[in-house]
Amino acid sequence: MPTTYAQIKQALDEIAQRINTNRGTLDAAATQIASAEAQLAGMPAQYGSLLADLDAALVADPDNEALATAVAEKELLVAEFTALQAEATAMKDALAAVEI
């Protein structure tokens, strides 16, 4: 039996719904990426003075193993943060380039 108009109409409605659902998913993903990028951008202002205080504390007490460990951990975290921030910005910029 040939496909009826009702079947075609139902399939077209399903296609439209799936398009709209996936558009919403992509919009939400773009919003989450922009939010992550903004939160990462705010971290230096939030933690900068604390990290400077940590460095100063180690300069003042260079034999303090706990401070030396904390500074080493900070350096690893700063490197990881820098890479993640660059990735978030690149993702946000890439999305902006393809938005139509």
N, C-alpha and C. Protein backbone atom coordinates (compact mmCIF):
# COMPACT_ATOMS: atom_id res chain seq x y z
N MET A 1 0.85 -1.18 0.00
CA MET A 1 0.00 0.00 0.00
C MET A 1 0.89 1.23 0.00
N PRO A 2 0.59 2.23 -0.82
CA PRO A 2 1.41 3.44 -0.87
C PRO A 2 1.29 4.24 0.43
N THR A 3 2.31 5.06 0.65
CA THR A 3 2.32 5.92 1.82
C THR A 3 1.20 6.94 1.70
N THR A 4 0.48 7.12 2.80
CA THR A 4 -0.63 8.08 2.79
C THR A 4 -0.14 9.48 3.16
N TYR A 5 -0.96 10.46 2.85
CA TYR A 5 -0.63 11.83 3.22
C TYR A 5 -0.49 11.96 4.72
N ALA A 6 -1.35 11.30 5.47
CA ALA A 6 -1.29 11.37 6.93
C ALA A 6 0.05 10.84 7.45
N GLN A 7 0.54 9.76 6.84
CA GLN A 7 1.83 9.21 7.24
C GLN A 7 2.97 10.18 6.89
N ILE A 8 2.87 10.77 5.73
CA ILE A 8 3.88 11.75 5.31
C ILE A 8 3.85 12.94 6.25
N LYS A 9 2.66 13.43 6.58
CA LYS A 9 2.51 14.59 7.46
C LYS A 9 3.08 14.27 8.85
N GLN A 10 2.79 13.07 9.35
CA GLN A 10 3.31 12.68 10.65
C GLN A 10 4.83 12.65 10.64
N ALA A 11 5.41 12.09 9.57
CA ALA A 11 6.87 12.04 9.46
C ALA A 11 7.46 13.45 9.37
N LEU A 12 6.83 14.33 8.62
CA LEU A 12 7.31 15.71 8.53
C LEU A 12 7.26 16.40 9.88
N ASP A 13 6.19 16.17 10.63
CA ASP A 13 6.08 16.74 11.98
C ASP A 13 7.18 16.19 12.90
N GLU A 14 7.46 14.90 12.78
CA GLU A 14 8.53 14.31 13.58
C GLU A 14 9.89 14.91 13.22
N ILE A 15 10.11 15.11 11.93
CA ILE A 15 11.37 15.72 11.48
C ILE A 15 11.51 17.12 12.07
N ALA A 16 10.44 17.91 11.99
CA ALA A 16 10.48 19.26 12.54
C ALA A 16 10.76 19.25 14.03
N GLN A 17 10.12 18.32 14.75
CA GLN A 17 10.33 18.22 16.20
C GLN A 17 11.76 17.84 16.52
N ARG A 18 12.32 16.89 15.78
CA ARG A 18 13.70 16.47 16.04
C ARG A 18 14.67 17.60 15.73
N ILE A 19 14.41 18.36 14.68
CA ILE A 19 15.25 19.51 14.36
C ILE A 19 15.21 20.51 15.51
N ASN A 20 14.02 20.83 15.98
CA ASN A 20 13.89 21.80 17.07
C ASN A 20 14.52 21.30 18.36
N THR A 21 14.37 20.03 18.66
CA THR A 21 14.99 19.46 19.86
C THR A 21 16.50 19.57 19.79
N ASN A 22 17.06 19.20 18.65
CA ASN A 22 18.52 19.26 18.50
C ASN A 22 19.04 20.68 18.42
N ARG A 23 18.26 21.61 17.87
CA ARG A 23 18.66 23.01 17.89
C ARG A 23 18.76 23.50 19.34
N GLY A 24 17.80 23.11 20.15
CA GLY A 24 17.83 23.46 21.56
C GLY A 24 19.04 22.87 22.27
N THR A 25 19.38 21.64 21.93
CA THR A 25 20.56 21.00 22.52
C THR A 25 21.82 21.77 22.15
N LEU A 26 21.94 22.15 20.89
CA LEU A 26 23.12 22.90 20.45
C LEU A 26 23.16 24.29 21.09
N ASP A 27 22.01 24.94 21.20
CA ASP A 27 21.98 26.25 21.86
C ASP A 27 22.40 26.14 23.32
N ALA A 28 21.93 25.09 23.99
CA ALA A 28 22.31 24.88 25.39
C ALA A 28 23.81 24.62 25.52
N ALA A 29 24.36 23.84 24.59
CA ALA A 29 25.80 23.56 24.61
C ALA A 29 26.60 24.85 24.42
N ALA A 30 26.17 25.68 23.49
CA ALA A 30 26.86 26.96 23.26
C ALA A 30 26.80 27.84 24.50
N THR A 31 25.65 27.85 25.17
CA THR A 31 25.50 28.63 26.39
C THR A 31 26.42 28.10 27.49
N GLN A 32 26.51 26.79 27.61
CA GLN A 32 27.39 26.20 28.63
C GLN A 32 28.85 26.50 28.34
N ILE A 33 29.24 26.46 27.08
CA ILE A 33 30.63 26.77 26.73
C ILE A 33 30.93 28.23 27.05
N ALA A 34 30.03 29.13 26.70
CA ALA A 34 30.23 30.55 27.00
C ALA A 34 30.29 30.78 28.51
N SER A 35 29.47 30.07 29.25
CA SER A 35 29.47 30.20 30.71
C SER A 35 30.78 29.71 31.30
N ALA A 36 31.25 28.56 30.83
CA ALA A 36 32.53 28.03 31.33
C ALA A 36 33.67 28.99 31.00
N GLU A 37 33.66 29.53 29.80
CA GLU A 37 34.72 30.47 29.41
C GLU A 37 34.69 31.71 30.29
N ALA A 38 33.50 32.22 30.60
CA ALA A 38 33.38 33.40 31.45
C ALA A 38 33.83 33.10 32.88
N GLN A 39 33.46 31.94 33.39
CA GLN A 39 33.88 31.57 34.75
C GLN A 39 35.40 31.42 34.83
N LEU A 40 35.99 30.81 33.82
CA LEU A 40 37.45 30.68 33.80
C LEU A 40 38.11 32.06 33.72
N ALA A 41 37.54 32.94 32.92
CA ALA A 41 38.11 34.29 32.78
C ALA A 41 38.10 35.05 34.10
N GLY A 42 37.15 34.74 34.98
CA GLY A 42 37.07 35.42 36.27
C GLY A 42 37.98 34.87 37.34
N MET A 43 38.54 33.71 37.11
CA MET A 43 39.35 33.08 38.15
C MET A 43 40.62 33.84 38.51
N PRO A 44 41.34 34.43 37.57
CA PRO A 44 42.54 35.17 37.98
C PRO A 44 42.25 36.30 38.97
N ALA A 45 41.16 37.02 38.76
CA ALA A 45 40.81 38.09 39.69
C ALA A 45 40.41 37.52 41.05
N GLN A 46 39.76 36.37 41.03
CA GLN A 46 39.29 35.78 42.27
C GLN A 46 40.43 35.19 43.10
N TYR A 47 41.41 34.60 42.45
CA TYR A 47 42.45 33.87 43.17
C TYR A 47 43.85 34.47 43.04
N GLY A 48 43.99 35.51 42.23
CA GLY A 48 45.31 36.07 41.97
C GLY A 48 46.07 36.50 43.20
N SER A 49 45.41 37.22 44.10
CA SER A 49 46.14 37.70 45.28
C SER A 49 46.49 36.56 46.22
N LEU A 50 45.64 35.56 46.32
CA LEU A 50 45.95 34.40 47.15
C LEU A 50 47.19 33.68 46.62
N LEU A 51 47.26 33.51 45.30
CA LEU A 51 48.42 32.84 44.71
C LEU A 51 49.68 33.67 44.87
N ALA A 52 49.55 34.99 44.78
CA ALA A 52 50.70 35.87 45.01
C ALA A 52 51.15 35.77 46.47
N ASP A 53 50.19 35.69 47.38
CA ASP A 53 50.53 35.51 48.80
C ASP A 53 51.26 34.20 49.03
N LEU A 54 50.85 33.16 48.34
CA LEU A 54 51.52 31.86 48.46
C LEU A 54 52.97 31.96 48.01
N ASP A 55 53.19 32.58 46.86
CA ASP A 55 54.56 32.76 46.37
C ASP A 55 55.40 33.57 47.37
N ALA A 56 54.79 34.64 47.89
CA ALA A 56 55.51 35.49 48.85
C ALA A 56 55.83 34.73 50.13
N ALA A 57 54.90 33.88 50.55
CA ALA A 57 55.13 33.10 51.77
C ALA A 57 56.31 32.15 51.59
N LEU A 58 56.43 31.56 50.41
CA LEU A 58 57.56 30.66 50.17
C LEU A 58 58.87 31.43 50.09
N VAL A 59 58.84 32.62 49.52
CA VAL A 59 60.06 33.45 49.48
C VAL A 59 60.48 33.79 50.91
N ALA A 60 59.50 34.09 51.76
CA ALA A 60 59.80 34.45 53.14
C ALA A 60 60.26 33.25 53.97
N ASP A 61 59.84 32.06 53.57
CA ASP A 61 60.18 30.85 54.33
C ASP A 61 60.53 29.73 53.34
N PRO A 62 61.68 29.83 52.68
CA PRO A 62 62.02 28.90 51.59
C PRO A 62 62.24 27.46 52.04
N ASP A 63 62.42 27.21 53.31
CA ASP A 63 62.63 25.85 53.78
C ASP A 63 61.32 25.15 54.19
N ASN A 64 60.23 25.85 54.05
CA ASN A 64 58.93 25.29 54.44
C ASN A 64 58.45 24.32 53.35
N GLU A 65 58.47 23.04 53.68
CA GLU A 65 58.12 22.01 52.70
C GLU A 65 56.64 22.08 52.29
N ALA A 66 55.79 22.42 53.22
CA ALA A 66 54.36 22.52 52.91
C ALA A 66 54.12 23.63 51.89
N LEU A 67 54.79 24.77 52.10
CA LEU A 67 54.64 25.87 51.14
C LEU A 67 55.24 25.51 49.79
N ALA A 68 56.38 24.83 49.81
CA ALA A 68 57.00 24.41 48.54
C ALA A 68 56.09 23.46 47.78
N THR A 69 55.46 22.56 48.48
CA THR A 69 54.51 21.64 47.85
C THR A 69 53.32 22.40 47.29
N ALA A 70 52.81 23.34 48.06
CA ALA A 70 51.66 24.14 47.61
C ALA A 70 52.01 24.94 46.37
N VAL A 71 53.20 25.51 46.32
CA VAL A 71 53.61 26.27 45.14
C VAL A 71 53.75 25.34 43.93
N ALA A 72 54.31 24.17 44.14
CA ALA A 72 54.43 23.21 43.04
C ALA A 72 53.05 22.81 42.51
N GLU A 73 52.12 22.56 43.41
CA GLU A 73 50.75 22.23 43.01
C GLU A 73 50.12 23.40 42.27
N LYS A 74 50.36 24.60 42.77
CA LYS A 74 49.82 25.80 42.12
C LYS A 74 50.32 25.91 40.70
N GLU A 75 51.61 25.67 40.50
CA GLU A 75 52.19 25.78 39.15
C GLU A 75 51.53 24.78 38.20
N LEU A 76 51.29 23.56 38.67
CA LEU A 76 50.61 22.57 37.82
C LEU A 76 49.19 22.99 37.51
N LEU A 77 48.50 23.51 38.51
CA LEU A 77 47.12 23.95 38.30
C LEU A 77 47.05 25.16 37.38
N VAL A 78 47.99 26.08 37.51
CA VAL A 78 48.00 27.26 36.63
C VAL A 78 48.21 26.83 35.18
N ALA A 79 49.11 25.89 34.96
CA ALA A 79 49.34 25.40 33.59
C ALA A 79 48.08 24.73 33.04
N GLU A 80 47.44 23.92 33.86
CA GLU A 80 46.22 23.25 33.42
C GLU A 80 45.11 24.26 33.16
N PHE A 81 44.98 25.24 34.06
CA PHE A 81 43.99 26.29 33.90
C PHE A 81 44.22 27.07 32.60
N THR A 82 45.46 27.44 32.34
CA THR A 82 45.78 28.22 31.14
C THR A 82 45.37 27.46 29.88
N ALA A 83 45.68 26.17 29.85
CA ALA A 83 45.31 25.35 28.69
C ALA A 83 43.79 25.25 28.55
N LEU A 84 43.09 25.05 29.66
CA LEU A 84 41.63 24.92 29.62
C LEU A 84 40.99 26.24 29.21
N GLN A 85 41.51 27.33 29.72
CA GLN A 85 40.96 28.64 29.36
C GLN A 85 41.12 28.88 27.86
N ALA A 86 42.27 28.54 27.31
CA ALA A 86 42.49 28.70 25.87
C ALA A 86 41.54 27.80 25.08
N GLU A 87 41.33 26.59 25.57
CA GLU A 87 40.41 25.67 24.90
C GLU A 87 38.97 26.21 24.93
N ALA A 88 38.55 26.71 26.06
CA ALA A 88 37.20 27.26 26.19
C ALA A 88 37.00 28.45 25.26
N THR A 89 37.99 29.33 25.21
CA THR A 89 37.89 30.49 24.32
C THR A 89 37.87 30.05 22.86
N ALA A 90 38.70 29.08 22.51
CA ALA A 90 38.71 28.57 21.14
C ALA A 90 37.37 27.94 20.77
N MET A 91 36.79 27.20 21.71
CA MET A 91 35.48 26.59 21.44
C MET A 91 34.40 27.66 21.27
N LYS A 92 34.41 28.65 22.14
CA LYS A 92 33.42 29.73 22.04
C LYS A 92 33.57 30.47 20.72
N ASP A 93 34.81 30.77 20.36
CA ASP A 93 35.07 31.48 19.10
C ASP A 93 34.69 30.64 17.89
N ALA A 94 34.96 29.34 17.95
CA ALA A 94 34.61 28.46 16.84
C ALA A 94 33.10 28.40 16.66
N LEU A 95 32.38 28.33 17.76
CA LEU A 95 30.91 28.32 17.67
C LEU A 95 30.39 29.63 17.11
N ALA A 96 30.98 30.72 17.53
CA ALA A 96 30.54 32.03 17.02
C ALA A 96 30.77 32.13 15.51
N ALA A 97 31.81 31.46 15.03
CA ALA A 97 32.13 31.51 13.60
C ALA A 97 31.14 30.70 12.76
N VAL A 98 30.48 29.70 13.35
CA VAL A 98 29.56 28.88 12.58
C VAL A 98 28.09 29.18 12.84
N GLU A 99 27.80 30.04 13.80
CA GLU A 99 26.40 30.36 14.08
C GLU A 99 25.81 31.10 12.90
N ILE A 100 24.62 30.67 12.53
CA ILE A 100 23.94 31.30 11.40
C ILE A 100 22.60 31.85 11.81
